[in-house]
Amino acid sequence: MRKIILAAAIATAALGLSACSNKTEAEADETVEAMNADAEASADEGAAIEGVAIQSAEDIQADAKDAADDAVKTTDEIGDDALSVVDQAEEAGAE
């Protein structure tokens, strides 16, 4: 984005120097204004894309945390079930 803005500024200077008449100067000003508008639009699009990327990363991080929490719960449940089987086997062996 900075490159686009810098290119627009350089183009502004170059077109300003090359303007030899009022008509040419007016056309150069219009061209520069159009280039500046394009640069601003590109910067806005870049900011929007960055926002989407950040939100996606946050969503992925939250999903990963939820999956890890579910895995811990599942592991705990498996451990509890195993202990229950052991307890039942010990009770059956004691009888």
Protein backbone atom coordinates (compact mmCIF):
# COMPACT_ATOMS: atom_id res chain seq x y z
CA MET A 1 0.00 0.00 0.00
CA ARG A 2 2.80 2.37 0.83
CA LYS A 3 4.35 1.65 -2.55
CA ILE A 4 1.14 2.67 -4.30
CA ILE A 5 0.93 5.90 -2.33
CA LEU A 6 4.61 6.60 -2.96
CA ALA A 7 4.14 5.90 -6.67
CA ALA A 8 1.19 8.29 -6.71
CA ALA A 9 3.27 11.01 -5.05
CA ILE A 10 6.12 10.49 -7.53
CA ALA A 11 3.68 10.58 -10.41
CA THR A 12 2.22 13.79 -9.02
CA ALA A 13 5.62 15.42 -9.00
CA ALA A 14 6.50 14.17 -12.48
CA LEU A 15 3.21 15.26 -13.97
CA GLY A 16 3.48 18.63 -12.25
CA LEU A 17 6.90 19.22 -13.78
CA SER A 18 5.78 18.16 -17.22
CA ALA A 19 2.76 20.48 -17.32
CA CYS A 20 3.59 23.11 -19.95
CA SER A 21 0.21 24.69 -20.48
CA ASN A 22 -2.98 25.24 -18.53
CA LYS A 23 -4.70 22.45 -20.43
CA THR A 24 -1.87 20.02 -19.80
CA GLU A 25 -1.71 21.10 -16.18
CA ALA A 26 -5.46 20.54 -15.75
CA GLU A 27 -5.20 17.10 -17.31
CA ALA A 28 -2.24 16.30 -15.10
CA ASP A 29 -4.21 17.37 -12.02
CA GLU A 30 -7.12 15.14 -13.03
CA THR A 31 -4.77 12.22 -13.57
CA VAL A 32 -3.12 12.79 -10.21
CA GLU A 33 -6.49 13.02 -8.46
CA ALA A 34 -7.56 9.76 -10.09
CA MET A 35 -4.30 8.11 -9.05
CA ASN A 36 -4.69 9.36 -5.48
CA ALA A 37 -8.27 8.07 -5.39
CA ASP A 38 -7.04 4.67 -6.62
CA ALA A 39 -4.30 4.64 -3.99
CA GLU A 40 -6.79 5.46 -1.23
CA ALA A 41 -9.18 2.77 -2.48
CA SER A 42 -6.33 0.24 -2.48
CA ALA A 43 -5.38 1.24 1.06
CA ASP A 44 -9.00 0.82 2.20
CA GLU A 45 -9.21 -2.59 0.53
CA GLY A 46 -5.96 -3.60 2.21
CA ALA A 47 -7.31 -2.58 5.60
CA ALA A 48 -10.50 -4.55 4.98
CA ILE A 49 -8.53 -7.64 3.97
CA GLU A 50 -6.36 -7.27 7.06
CA GLY A 51 -9.48 -7.09 9.24
CA VAL A 52 -10.87 -10.28 7.70
CA ALA A 53 -7.53 -12.06 8.15
CA ILE A 54 -7.32 -11.05 11.81
CA GLN A 55 -10.90 -12.18 12.46
CA SER A 56 -10.23 -15.50 10.70
CA ALA A 57 -7.11 -16.06 12.79
CA GLU A 58 -9.03 -15.32 15.97
CA ASP A 59 -11.82 -17.71 14.92
CA ILE A 60 -9.30 -20.46 14.16
CA GLN A 61 -7.60 -19.91 17.51
CA ALA A 62 -10.93 -20.13 19.34
CA ASP A 63 -11.86 -23.31 17.43
CA ALA A 64 -8.49 -24.85 18.25
CA LYS A 65 -8.95 -24.03 21.94
CA ASP A 66 -12.43 -25.57 21.90
CA ALA A 67 -11.06 -28.71 20.22
CA ALA A 68 -8.28 -28.96 22.80
CA ASP A 69 -10.79 -28.54 25.63
CA ASP A 70 -12.97 -31.28 24.09
CA ALA A 71 -9.94 -33.56 23.80
CA VAL A 72 -9.13 -33.03 27.48
CA LYS A 73 -12.73 -33.82 28.43
CA THR A 74 -12.69 -36.93 26.27
CA THR A 75 -9.41 -38.06 27.78
CA ASP A 76 -10.77 -37.49 31.27
CA GLU A 77 -13.93 -39.43 30.41
CA ILE A 78 -11.87 -42.35 29.06
CA GLY A 79 -9.77 -42.31 32.23
CA ASP A 80 -12.87 -42.28 34.41
CA ASP A 81 -14.35 -45.18 32.44
CA ALA A 82 -11.12 -47.15 32.81
CA LEU A 83 -11.09 -46.55 36.57
CA SER A 84 -14.70 -47.67 36.75
CA VAL A 85 -13.84 -50.91 34.93
CA VAL A 86 -10.90 -51.47 37.30
CA ASP A 87 -13.13 -50.81 40.33
CA GLN A 88 -15.75 -53.23 39.02
CA ALA A 89 -13.11 -55.88 38.38
CA GLU A 90 -11.70 -55.45 41.89
CA GLU A 91 -15.17 -55.74 43.40
CA ALA A 92 -15.89 -58.85 41.33
CA GLY A 93 -12.55 -60.35 42.37
CA ALA A 94 -13.22 -59.64 46.03
CA GLU A 95 -16.50 -61.51 45.99
